């Protein structure tokens, strides 16, 4: 187990170092970083400050040249809002997607599948900005039951969470259904059924655990996608998170903040994939044994 985890941690560290290098190089491809980092009409003193900050960008997030505040503090002030939105979207995605996937997998070909699968298809095909606009028209404009924008109360979280989590919900439902159907077709399920065991205990005790590996893989990617997809949703609902900060920083040419956000997103992807690797060994010990045998 220790060897397996150390191997995955080393791979994650190499990925993070590679991402950091690539992001820094890409930020320099568009021209002189000193001239890009300072605003138009900057004085000689501002240019020298920009050179200093550009040198620190490899190791430190630096200071925003637009807001004159440390980039770390700006990102930290917006991060809780994005984490809260991602958590709400994840609750929607898992709370709806997993049960729908299990039900449609166990009772495939029946009426319940024909009723639920159109919901999955709608969630899969509808862009987040469009579903967000429809939710605003329905719940805020027509019914007046939810605020259209902002983050003033918990009710402000409902529509952004649904809009952001709908696509992931459909993904979880499809992957879970496919995994459950595959497991139900295996010999061990037939053997247990031949002994007279009911379907519900088989699904709860055996099928769900064996079908969880693909779900864990997708979950790691989807959680990262929720953070990345928050850019659109936060713009539609004026949610004061990292997504809105990214749009504002790009428009204001605050490149140090943009660089910090890109690095944060990259680290999130790498970290979640490392966490998924660790969960593999917990769910299925055979993965650890195979890794140690290499």
C-alpha atoms as a PDB file:
ATOM      1  CA  UNK A   1       0.000   0.000   0.000  1.00  0.00           C
ATOM      2  CA  UNK A   2       2.755   2.459   0.970  1.00  0.00           C
ATOM      3  CA  UNK A   3       4.674   1.754  -2.235  1.00  0.00           C
ATOM      4  CA  UNK A   4       1.543   2.301  -4.298  1.00  0.00           C
ATOM      5  CA  UNK A   5       0.751   5.633  -2.626  1.00  0.00           C
ATOM      6  CA  UNK A   6       4.344   6.884  -2.856  1.00  0.00           C
ATOM      7  CA  UNK A   7       4.432   6.028  -6.552  1.00  0.00           C
ATOM      8  CA  UNK A   8       1.244   7.970  -7.222  1.00  0.00           C
ATOM      9  CA  UNK A   9       2.417  10.920  -5.106  1.00  0.00           C
ATOM     10  CA  UNK A  10       5.704  11.084  -7.052  1.00  0.00           C
ATOM     11  CA  UNK A  11       3.804  11.091 -10.349  1.00  0.00           C
ATOM     12  CA  UNK A  12       1.545  13.887  -9.071  1.00  0.00           C
ATOM     13  CA  UNK A  13       4.579  15.948  -8.033  1.00  0.00           C
ATOM     14  CA  UNK A  14       6.147  15.586 -11.481  1.00  0.00           C
ATOM     15  CA  UNK A  15       2.838  16.631 -13.080  1.00  0.00           C
ATOM     16  CA  UNK A  16       2.578  19.714 -10.869  1.00  0.00           C
ATOM     17  CA  UNK A  17       6.140  20.774 -11.691  1.00  0.00           C
ATOM     18  CA  UNK A  18       5.446  20.266 -15.397  1.00  0.00           C
ATOM     19  CA  UNK A  19       2.217  22.261 -15.249  1.00  0.00           C
ATOM     20  CA  UNK A  20       3.935  25.107 -13.382  1.00  0.00           C
ATOM     21  CA  UNK A  21       6.649  25.278 -16.036  1.00  0.00           C
ATOM     22  CA  UNK A  22       4.191  25.184 -18.924  1.00  0.00           C
ATOM     23  CA  UNK A  23       1.970  27.895 -17.443  1.00  0.00           C
ATOM     24  CA  UNK A  24       4.944  30.193 -16.849  1.00  0.00           C
ATOM     25  CA  UNK A  25       6.293  29.637 -20.376  1.00  0.00           C
ATOM     26  CA  UNK A  26       2.898  30.211 -21.996  1.00  0.00           C
ATOM     27  CA  UNK A  27       2.483  33.470 -20.093  1.00  0.00           C
ATOM     28  CA  UNK A  28       5.740  34.651 -21.704  1.00  0.00           C
ATOM     29  CA  UNK A  29       4.900  33.615 -25.277  1.00  0.00           C
ATOM     30  CA  UNK A  30       2.703  36.637 -25.962  1.00  0.00           C
ATOM     31  CA  UNK A  31       5.545  39.138 -25.622  1.00  0.00           C
ATOM     32  CA  UNK A  32       7.566  41.034 -23.061  1.00  0.00           C
ATOM     33  CA  UNK A  33       6.020  40.083 -19.696  1.00  0.00           C
ATOM     34  CA  UNK A  34       7.003  43.415 -18.170  1.00  0.00           C
ATOM     35  CA  UNK A  35       4.966  45.367 -20.724  1.00  0.00           C
ATOM     36  CA  UNK A  36       2.053  42.944 -20.437  1.00  0.00           C
ATOM     37  CA  UNK A  37       1.889  43.047 -16.664  1.00  0.00           C
ATOM     38  CA  UNK A  38       1.769  46.809 -16.285  1.00  0.00           C
ATOM     39  CA  UNK A  39      -1.246  48.917 -17.339  1.00  0.00           C
ATOM     40  CA  UNK A  40      -1.151  51.303 -20.278  1.00  0.00           C
ATOM     41  CA  UNK A  41       0.559  54.603 -19.600  1.00  0.00           C
ATOM     42  CA  UNK A  42       2.533  53.184 -16.657  1.00  0.00           C
ATOM     43  CA  UNK A  43       5.473  55.140 -15.285  1.00  0.00           C
ATOM     44  CA  UNK A  44       9.066  53.923 -15.185  1.00  0.00           C
ATOM     45  CA  UNK A  45       8.572  52.994 -11.522  1.00  0.00           C
ATOM     46  CA  UNK A  46       5.593  50.818 -12.421  1.00  0.00           C
ATOM     47  CA  UNK A  47       7.647  49.092 -15.118  1.00  0.00           C
ATOM     48  CA  UNK A  48      10.382  48.291 -12.625  1.00  0.00           C
ATOM     49  CA  UNK A  49       7.778  46.932 -10.190  1.00  0.00           C
ATOM     50  CA  UNK A  50       6.420  44.809 -13.004  1.00  0.00           C
ATOM     51  CA  UNK A  51       9.855  43.373 -13.711  1.00  0.00           C
ATOM     52  CA  UNK A  52      10.218  42.526 -10.052  1.00  0.00           C
ATOM     53  CA  UNK A  53       6.813  40.851  -9.893  1.00  0.00           C
ATOM     54  CA  UNK A  54       7.462  38.943 -13.089  1.00  0.00           C
ATOM     55  CA  UNK A  55      10.611  37.543 -11.514  1.00  0.00           C
ATOM     56  CA  UNK A  56       8.694  36.460  -8.410  1.00  0.00           C
ATOM     57  CA  UNK A  57       5.899  34.867 -10.429  1.00  0.00           C
ATOM     58  CA  UNK A  58       7.865  31.621 -10.686  1.00  0.00           C
ATOM     59  CA  UNK A  59       7.792  31.129  -6.928  1.00  0.00           C
ATOM     60  CA  UNK A  60       5.157  33.514  -5.582  1.00  0.00           C
ATOM     61  CA  UNK A  61       1.720  34.652  -6.724  1.00  0.00           C
ATOM     62  CA  UNK A  62       2.846  38.255  -6.519  1.00  0.00           C
ATOM     63  CA  UNK A  63       0.744  41.394  -6.181  1.00  0.00           C
ATOM     64  CA  UNK A  64      -2.106  42.452  -8.439  1.00  0.00           C
ATOM     65  CA  UNK A  65      -1.057  45.451 -10.497  1.00  0.00           C
ATOM     66  CA  UNK A  66      -4.684  46.532 -10.865  1.00  0.00           C
ATOM     67  CA  UNK A  67      -5.927  46.167  -7.279  1.00  0.00           C
ATOM     68  CA  UNK A  68      -2.539  46.613  -5.570  1.00  0.00           C
ATOM     69  CA  UNK A  69      -3.335  43.694  -3.265  1.00  0.00           C
ATOM     70  CA  UNK A  70      -1.578  40.349  -3.006  1.00  0.00           C
ATOM     71  CA  UNK A  71      -2.904  37.806  -5.490  1.00  0.00           C
ATOM     72  CA  UNK A  72      -3.084  35.173  -2.754  1.00  0.00           C
ATOM     73  CA  UNK A  73      -5.470  37.289  -0.667  1.00  0.00           C
ATOM     74  CA  UNK A  74      -7.663  38.050  -3.698  1.00  0.00           C
ATOM     75  CA  UNK A  75      -7.913  34.379  -4.652  1.00  0.00           C
ATOM     76  CA  UNK A  76      -8.493  33.368  -1.013  1.00  0.00           C
ATOM     77  CA  UNK A  77     -11.397  35.825  -0.692  1.00  0.00           C
ATOM     78  CA  UNK A  78     -13.145  34.362  -3.766  1.00  0.00           C
ATOM     79  CA  UNK A  79     -12.279  30.686  -3.245  1.00  0.00           C
ATOM     80  CA  UNK A  80     -14.953  29.930  -0.577  1.00  0.00           C
ATOM     81  CA  UNK A  81     -17.709  31.053  -2.940  1.00  0.00           C
ATOM     82  CA  UNK A  82     -16.518  28.748  -5.710  1.00  0.00           C
ATOM     83  CA  UNK A  83     -16.052  25.830  -3.297  1.00  0.00           C
ATOM     84  CA  UNK A  84     -19.569  26.394  -1.959  1.00  0.00           C
ATOM     85  CA  UNK A  85     -20.999  26.466  -5.482  1.00  0.00           C
ATOM     86  CA  UNK A  86     -19.055  23.343  -6.475  1.00  0.00           C
ATOM     87  CA  UNK A  87     -20.256  21.551  -3.335  1.00  0.00           C
ATOM     88  CA  UNK A  88     -23.872  22.443  -4.090  1.00  0.00           C
ATOM     89  CA  UNK A  89     -23.489  21.290  -7.697  1.00  0.00           C
ATOM     90  CA  UNK A  90     -21.862  18.050  -6.525  1.00  0.00           C
ATOM     91  CA  UNK A  91     -24.801  17.374  -4.195  1.00  0.00           C
ATOM     92  CA  UNK A  92     -27.158  17.819  -7.142  1.00  0.00           C
ATOM     93  CA  UNK A  93     -25.002  15.652  -9.432  1.00  0.00           C
ATOM     94  CA  UNK A  94     -24.494  12.769  -6.988  1.00  0.00           C
ATOM     95  CA  UNK A  95     -27.875  13.020  -5.268  1.00  0.00           C
ATOM     96  CA  UNK A  96     -29.719  12.651  -8.568  1.00  0.00           C
ATOM     97  CA  UNK A  97     -27.211  10.977 -10.885  1.00  0.00           C
ATOM     98  CA  UNK A  98     -26.247   7.971  -8.763  1.00  0.00           C
ATOM     99  CA  UNK A  99     -29.812   6.873  -7.851  1.00  0.00           C
ATOM    100  CA  UNK A 100     -30.966   7.344 -11.454  1.00  0.00           C
ATOM    101  CA  UNK A 101     -28.007   5.328 -12.736  1.00  0.00           C
ATOM    102  CA  UNK A 102     -28.596   2.507 -10.254  1.00  0.00           C
ATOM    103  CA  UNK A 103     -32.352   2.334 -10.870  1.00  0.00           C
ATOM    104  CA  UNK A 104     -32.054   2.413 -14.670  1.00  0.00           C
ATOM    105  CA  UNK A 105     -29.274  -0.186 -14.525  1.00  0.00           C
ATOM    106  CA  UNK A 106     -31.113  -2.643 -12.289  1.00  0.00           C
ATOM    107  CA  UNK A 107     -34.498  -2.220 -13.966  1.00  0.00           C
ATOM    108  CA  UNK A 108     -33.271  -1.651 -17.513  1.00  0.00           C
ATOM    109  CA  UNK A 109     -35.857  -2.004 -20.255  1.00  0.00           C
ATOM    110  CA  UNK A 110     -38.727  -1.227 -17.898  1.00  0.00           C
ATOM    111  CA  UNK A 111     -41.016   1.775 -17.574  1.00  0.00           C
ATOM    112  CA  UNK A 112     -38.860   3.460 -14.945  1.00  0.00           C
ATOM    113  CA  UNK A 113     -35.920   3.552 -17.354  1.00  0.00           C
ATOM    114  CA  UNK A 114     -38.030   5.014 -20.150  1.00  0.00           C
ATOM    115  CA  UNK A 115     -39.174   7.757 -17.764  1.00  0.00           C
ATOM    116  CA  UNK A 116     -35.785   8.638 -16.291  1.00  0.00           C
ATOM    117  CA  UNK A 117     -33.464   8.415 -19.304  1.00  0.00           C
ATOM    118  CA  UNK A 118     -35.023  11.469 -21.047  1.00  0.00           C
ATOM    119  CA  UNK A 119     -34.109  13.473 -17.929  1.00  0.00           C
ATOM    120  CA  UNK A 120     -30.522  12.295 -18.299  1.00  0.00           C
ATOM    121  CA  UNK A 121     -30.472  13.202 -21.984  1.00  0.00           C
ATOM    122  CA  UNK A 122     -31.800  16.693 -21.277  1.00  0.00           C
ATOM    123  CA  UNK A 123     -29.152  17.258 -18.620  1.00  0.00           C
ATOM    124  CA  UNK A 124     -26.443  15.978 -20.957  1.00  0.00           C
ATOM    125  CA  UNK A 125     -27.421  18.134 -23.929  1.00  0.00           C
ATOM    126  CA  UNK A 126     -28.270  21.475 -22.310  1.00  0.00           C
ATOM    127  CA  UNK A 127     -25.370  23.974 -21.933  1.00  0.00           C
ATOM    128  CA  UNK A 128     -24.912  25.471 -18.479  1.00  0.00           C
ATOM    129  CA  UNK A 129     -25.425  29.056 -19.633  1.00  0.00           C
ATOM    130  CA  UNK A 130     -28.727  28.137 -21.287  1.00  0.00           C
ATOM    131  CA  UNK A 131     -30.037  26.150 -18.323  1.00  0.00           C
ATOM    132  CA  UNK A 132     -29.011  29.033 -16.067  1.00  0.00           C
ATOM    133  CA  UNK A 133     -30.955  31.562 -18.148  1.00  0.00           C
ATOM    134  CA  UNK A 134     -34.018  29.284 -18.187  1.00  0.00           C
ATOM    135  CA  UNK A 135     -33.843  28.886 -14.406  1.00  0.00           C
ATOM    136  CA  UNK A 136     -33.676  32.660 -13.962  1.00  0.00           C
ATOM    137  CA  UNK A 137     -36.681  33.168 -16.252  1.00  0.00           C
ATOM    138  CA  UNK A 138     -38.712  30.496 -14.464  1.00  0.00           C
ATOM    139  CA  UNK A 139     -37.771  30.798 -10.790  1.00  0.00           C
ATOM    140  CA  UNK A 140     -36.792  34.469 -10.519  1.00  0.00           C
ATOM    141  CA  UNK A 141     -38.779  36.319 -13.189  1.00  0.00           C
ATOM    142  CA  UNK A 142     -41.956  34.239 -13.557  1.00  0.00           C
ATOM    143  CA  UNK A 143     -42.396  32.663 -10.110  1.00  0.00           C
ATOM    144  CA  UNK A 144     -40.296  35.085  -8.068  1.00  0.00           C
ATOM    145  CA  UNK A 145     -39.273  32.418  -5.553  1.00  0.00           C
ATOM    146  CA  UNK A 146     -35.484  32.700  -5.893  1.00  0.00           C
ATOM    147  CA  UNK A 147     -33.061  35.616  -6.341  1.00  0.00           C
ATOM    148  CA  UNK A 148     -31.772  36.039  -9.878  1.00  0.00           C
ATOM    149  CA  UNK A 149     -28.170  36.842  -8.962  1.00  0.00           C
ATOM    150  CA  UNK A 150     -25.700  37.518  -6.195  1.00  0.00           C
ATOM    151  CA  UNK A 151     -24.741  35.563  -3.085  1.00  0.00           C
ATOM    152  CA  UNK A 152     -26.741  37.317  -0.391  1.00  0.00           C
ATOM    153  CA  UNK A 153     -28.429  34.216   1.083  1.00  0.00           C
ATOM    154  CA  UNK A 154     -28.545  30.430   0.866  1.00  0.00           C
ATOM    155  CA  UNK A 155     -31.421  30.677  -1.585  1.00  0.00           C
ATOM    156  CA  UNK A 156     -29.007  32.341  -4.023  1.00  0.00           C
ATOM    157  CA  UNK A 157     -27.109  29.045  -4.206  1.00  0.00           C
ATOM    158  CA  UNK A 158     -30.019  26.945  -5.481  1.00  0.00           C
ATOM    159  CA  UNK A 159     -30.182  27.919  -9.150  1.00  0.00           C
ATOM    160  CA  UNK A 160     -26.417  28.097  -9.771  1.00  0.00           C
ATOM    161  CA  UNK A 161     -25.993  24.666  -8.184  1.00  0.00           C
ATOM    162  CA  UNK A 162     -28.690  23.128 -10.378  1.00  0.00           C
ATOM    163  CA  UNK A 163     -27.352  24.760 -13.540  1.00  0.00           C
ATOM    164  CA  UNK A 164     -23.770  23.702 -12.805  1.00  0.00           C
ATOM    165  CA  UNK A 165     -24.621  20.215 -11.542  1.00  0.00           C
ATOM    166  CA  UNK A 166     -27.037  19.199 -14.325  1.00  0.00           C
ATOM    167  CA  UNK A 167     -24.334  18.160 -16.772  1.00  0.00           C
ATOM    168  CA  UNK A 168     -22.383  16.191 -14.151  1.00  0.00           C
ATOM    169  CA  UNK A 169     -25.624  14.593 -12.994  1.00  0.00           C
ATOM    170  CA  UNK A 170     -26.189  13.175 -16.455  1.00  0.00           C
ATOM    171  CA  UNK A 171     -22.593  11.926 -16.625  1.00  0.00           C
ATOM    172  CA  UNK A 172     -22.843  10.169 -13.254  1.00  0.00           C
ATOM    173  CA  UNK A 173     -26.150   8.594 -14.264  1.00  0.00           C
ATOM    174  CA  UNK A 174     -24.797   7.193 -17.534  1.00  0.00           C
ATOM    175  CA  UNK A 175     -21.553   5.872 -16.064  1.00  0.00           C
ATOM    176  CA  UNK A 176     -23.305   4.336 -13.065  1.00  0.00           C
ATOM    177  CA  UNK A 177     -25.921   2.672 -15.249  1.00  0.00           C
ATOM    178  CA  UNK A 178     -23.281   1.203 -17.573  1.00  0.00           C
ATOM    179  CA  UNK A 179     -21.208  -0.122 -14.657  1.00  0.00           C
ATOM    180  CA  UNK A 180     -24.227  -1.636 -12.913  1.00  0.00           C
ATOM    181  CA  UNK A 181     -25.437  -3.342 -16.100  1.00  0.00           C
ATOM    182  CA  UNK A 182     -21.948  -4.758 -16.680  1.00  0.00           C
ATOM    183  CA  UNK A 183     -21.694  -6.119 -13.138  1.00  0.00           C
ATOM    184  CA  UNK A 184     -25.189  -7.638 -13.236  1.00  0.00           C
ATOM    185  CA  UNK A 185     -24.158  -9.667 -16.283  1.00  0.00           C
ATOM    186  CA  UNK A 186     -21.198 -11.341 -14.543  1.00  0.00           C
ATOM    187  CA  UNK A 187     -21.085 -14.939 -13.340  1.00  0.00           C
ATOM    188  CA  UNK A 188     -20.890 -14.181  -9.624  1.00  0.00           C
ATOM    189  CA  UNK A 189     -24.237 -12.373  -9.755  1.00  0.00           C
ATOM    190  CA  UNK A 190     -25.838 -15.333 -11.515  1.00  0.00           C
ATOM    191  CA  UNK A 191     -24.397 -17.684  -8.892  1.00  0.00           C
ATOM    192  CA  UNK A 192     -25.772 -15.614  -6.020  1.00  0.00           C
ATOM    193  CA  UNK A 193     -29.142 -15.342  -7.726  1.00  0.00           C
ATOM    194  CA  UNK A 194     -29.179 -19.129  -8.198  1.00  0.00           C
ATOM    195  CA  UNK A 195     -28.925 -19.490  -4.426  1.00  0.00           C
ATOM    196  CA  UNK A 196     -32.189 -17.597  -4.043  1.00  0.00           C
ATOM    197  CA  UNK A 197     -30.780 -14.269  -2.839  1.00  0.00           C
ATOM    198  CA  UNK A 198     -32.978 -11.259  -3.651  1.00  0.00           C
ATOM    199  CA  UNK A 199     -31.755  -8.607  -6.062  1.00  0.00           C
ATOM    200  CA  UNK A 200     -31.624  -5.752  -3.538  1.00  0.00           C
ATOM    201  CA  UNK A 201     -29.008  -7.351  -1.217  1.00  0.00           C
ATOM    202  CA  UNK A 202     -26.939  -8.361  -4.248  1.00  0.00           C
ATOM    203  CA  UNK A 203     -26.900  -4.815  -5.547  1.00  0.00           C
ATOM    204  CA  UNK A 204     -26.147  -3.231  -2.173  1.00  0.00           C
ATOM    205  CA  UNK A 205     -23.499  -5.708  -0.988  1.00  0.00           C
ATOM    206  CA  UNK A 206     -21.699  -6.667  -4.182  1.00  0.00           C
ATOM    207  CA  UNK A 207     -22.670  -4.840  -7.365  1.00  0.00           C
ATOM    208  CA  UNK A 208     -22.311  -1.247  -6.156  1.00  0.00           C
ATOM    209  CA  UNK A 209     -18.821  -1.745  -4.740  1.00  0.00           C
ATOM    210  CA  UNK A 210     -17.556  -3.519  -7.844  1.00  0.00           C
ATOM    211  CA  UNK A 211     -19.180  -0.915 -10.092  1.00  0.00           C
ATOM    212  CA  UNK A 212     -17.701   2.035  -8.192  1.00  0.00           C
ATOM    213  CA  UNK A 213     -14.252   2.109  -9.868  1.00  0.00           C
ATOM    214  CA  UNK A 214     -15.451   3.845 -13.072  1.00  0.00           C
ATOM    215  CA  UNK A 215     -17.630   6.152 -10.959  1.00  0.00           C
ATOM    216  CA  UNK A 216     -14.630   7.212  -8.845  1.00  0.00           C
ATOM    217  CA  UNK A 217     -12.644   7.947 -12.002  1.00  0.00           C
ATOM    218  CA  UNK A 218     -15.431  10.084 -13.425  1.00  0.00           C
ATOM    219  CA  UNK A 219     -16.041  11.760 -10.053  1.00  0.00           C
ATOM    220  CA  UNK A 220     -12.446  13.026  -9.882  1.00  0.00           C
ATOM    221  CA  UNK A 221     -12.752  14.571 -13.329  1.00  0.00           C
ATOM    222  CA  UNK A 222     -16.251  15.922 -12.771  1.00  0.00           C
ATOM    223  CA  UNK A 223     -15.357  17.678  -9.524  1.00  0.00           C
ATOM    224  CA  UNK A 224     -12.521  19.431 -11.339  1.00  0.00           C
ATOM    225  CA  UNK A 225     -14.902  20.218 -14.207  1.00  0.00           C
ATOM    226  CA  UNK A 226     -17.338  21.758 -11.737  1.00  0.00           C
ATOM    227  CA  UNK A 227     -14.639  24.182 -10.645  1.00  0.00           C
ATOM    228  CA  UNK A 228     -13.737  24.959 -14.262  1.00  0.00           C
ATOM    229  CA  UNK A 229     -17.358  25.211 -15.400  1.00  0.00           C
ATOM    230  CA  UNK A 230     -18.076  27.697 -12.651  1.00  0.00           C
ATOM    231  CA  UNK A 231     -16.681  30.416 -14.929  1.00  0.00           C
ATOM    232  CA  UNK A 232     -19.845  30.416 -17.049  1.00  0.00           C
ATOM    233  CA  UNK A 233     -22.318  29.855 -14.227  1.00  0.00           C
ATOM    234  CA  UNK A 234     -20.768  32.511 -12.001  1.00  0.00           C
ATOM    235  CA  UNK A 235     -20.974  34.989 -14.867  1.00  0.00           C
ATOM    236  CA  UNK A 236     -24.646  34.223 -15.548  1.00  0.00           C
ATOM    237  CA  UNK A 237     -25.655  34.457 -11.880  1.00  0.00           C
ATOM    238  CA  UNK A 238     -23.145  37.173 -10.841  1.00  0.00           C
ATOM    239  CA  UNK A 239     -21.720  34.769  -8.280  1.00  0.00           C
ATOM    240  CA  UNK A 240     -18.571  36.309  -6.701  1.00  0.00           C
ATOM    241  CA  UNK A 241     -16.274  33.301  -7.093  1.00  0.00           C
ATOM    242  CA  UNK A 242     -13.094  32.432  -8.963  1.00  0.00           C
ATOM    243  CA  UNK A 243     -14.903  32.159 -12.292  1.00  0.00           C
ATOM    244  CA  UNK A 244     -16.114  35.729 -12.138  1.00  0.00           C
ATOM    245  CA  UNK A 245     -12.661  36.774 -10.936  1.00  0.00           C
ATOM    246  CA  UNK A 246     -11.103  35.113 -13.985  1.00  0.00           C
ATOM    247  CA  UNK A 247     -13.348  37.021 -16.389  1.00  0.00           C
ATOM    248  CA  UNK A 248     -12.695  40.320 -14.609  1.00  0.00           C
ATOM    249  CA  UNK A 249      -8.934  39.704 -14.534  1.00  0.00           C
ATOM    250  CA  UNK A 250      -8.788  38.881 -18.237  1.00  0.00           C
ATOM    251  CA  UNK A 251     -10.789  41.995 -19.093  1.00  0.00           C
ATOM    252  CA  UNK A 252      -8.554  44.111 -16.840  1.00  0.00           C
ATOM    253  CA  UNK A 253      -5.317  42.528 -18.102  1.00  0.00           C
ATOM    254  CA  UNK A 254      -4.401  41.443 -14.569  1.00  0.00           C
ATOM    255  CA  UNK A 255      -2.226  38.578 -15.782  1.00  0.00           C
ATOM    256  CA  UNK A 256      -0.805  37.573 -12.402  1.00  0.00           C
ATOM    257  CA  UNK A 257      -4.281  36.670 -11.186  1.00  0.00           C
ATOM    258  CA  UNK A 258      -4.983  34.779 -14.412  1.00  0.00           C
ATOM    259  CA  UNK A 259      -1.746  32.853 -13.991  1.00  0.00           C
ATOM    260  CA  UNK A 260      -2.614  32.023 -10.389  1.00  0.00           C
ATOM    261  CA  UNK A 261      -6.083  30.772 -11.363  1.00  0.00           C
ATOM    262  CA  UNK A 262      -4.691  28.579 -14.135  1.00  0.00           C
ATOM    263  CA  UNK A 263      -2.166  27.067 -11.730  1.00  0.00           C
ATOM    264  CA  UNK A 264      -4.871  26.496  -9.118  1.00  0.00           C
ATOM    265  CA  UNK A 265      -7.083  24.708 -11.646  1.00  0.00           C
ATOM    266  CA  UNK A 266      -4.175  22.537 -12.765  1.00  0.00           C
ATOM    267  CA  UNK A 267      -3.251  21.607  -9.197  1.00  0.00           C
ATOM    268  CA  UNK A 268      -6.896  20.728  -8.553  1.00  0.00           C
ATOM    269  CA  UNK A 269      -6.971  18.280 -11.465  1.00  0.00           C
ATOM    270  CA  UNK A 270      -3.714  16.638 -10.369  1.00  0.00           C
ATOM    271  CA  UNK A 271      -4.755  16.468  -6.713  1.00  0.00           C
ATOM    272  CA  UNK A 272      -8.159  14.959  -7.447  1.00  0.00           C
ATOM    273  CA  UNK A 273      -6.622  12.320  -9.706  1.00  0.00           C
ATOM    274  CA  UNK A 274      -4.188  11.439  -6.920  1.00  0.00           C
ATOM    275  CA  UNK A 275      -7.118  11.130  -4.513  1.00  0.00           C
ATOM    276  CA  UNK A 276      -8.920   8.877  -6.995  1.00  0.00           C
ATOM    277  CA  UNK A 277      -5.836   6.632  -7.210  1.00  0.00           C
ATOM    278  CA  UNK A 278      -5.851   6.296  -3.425  1.00  0.00           C
ATOM    279  CA  UNK A 279      -9.565   5.456  -3.368  1.00  0.00           C
ATOM    280  CA  UNK A 280      -9.005   2.732  -5.968  1.00  0.00           C
ATOM    281  CA  UNK A 281      -6.843   0.801  -3.531  1.00  0.00           C
ATOM    282  CA  UNK A 282      -9.446   1.195  -0.786  1.00  0.00           C
ATOM    283  CA  UNK A 283     -12.373   0.001  -2.902  1.00  0.00           C
ATOM    284  CA  UNK A 284     -10.475  -2.775  -4.696  1.00  0.00           C
ATOM    285  CA  UNK A 285      -7.320  -4.085  -2.898  1.00  0.00           C
ATOM    286  CA  UNK A 286      -6.364  -5.983  -6.066  1.00  0.00           C
ATOM    287  CA  UNK A 287      -5.241  -2.698  -7.630  1.00  0.00           C
ATOM    288  CA  UNK A 288      -2.671  -2.207  -4.877  1.00  0.00           C
ATOM    289  CA  UNK A 289      -1.457  -5.781  -5.214  1.00  0.00           C
ATOM    290  CA  UNK A 290      -1.005  -5.398  -8.970  1.00  0.00           C
ATOM    291  CA  UNK A 291       0.893  -2.123  -8.531  1.00  0.00           C
ATOM    292  CA  UNK A 292       3.200  -3.650  -5.902  1.00  0.00           C
ATOM    293  CA  UNK A 293       3.839  -6.680  -8.119  1.00  0.00           C
ATOM    294  CA  UNK A 294       5.288  -4.562 -10.937  1.00  0.00           C
END
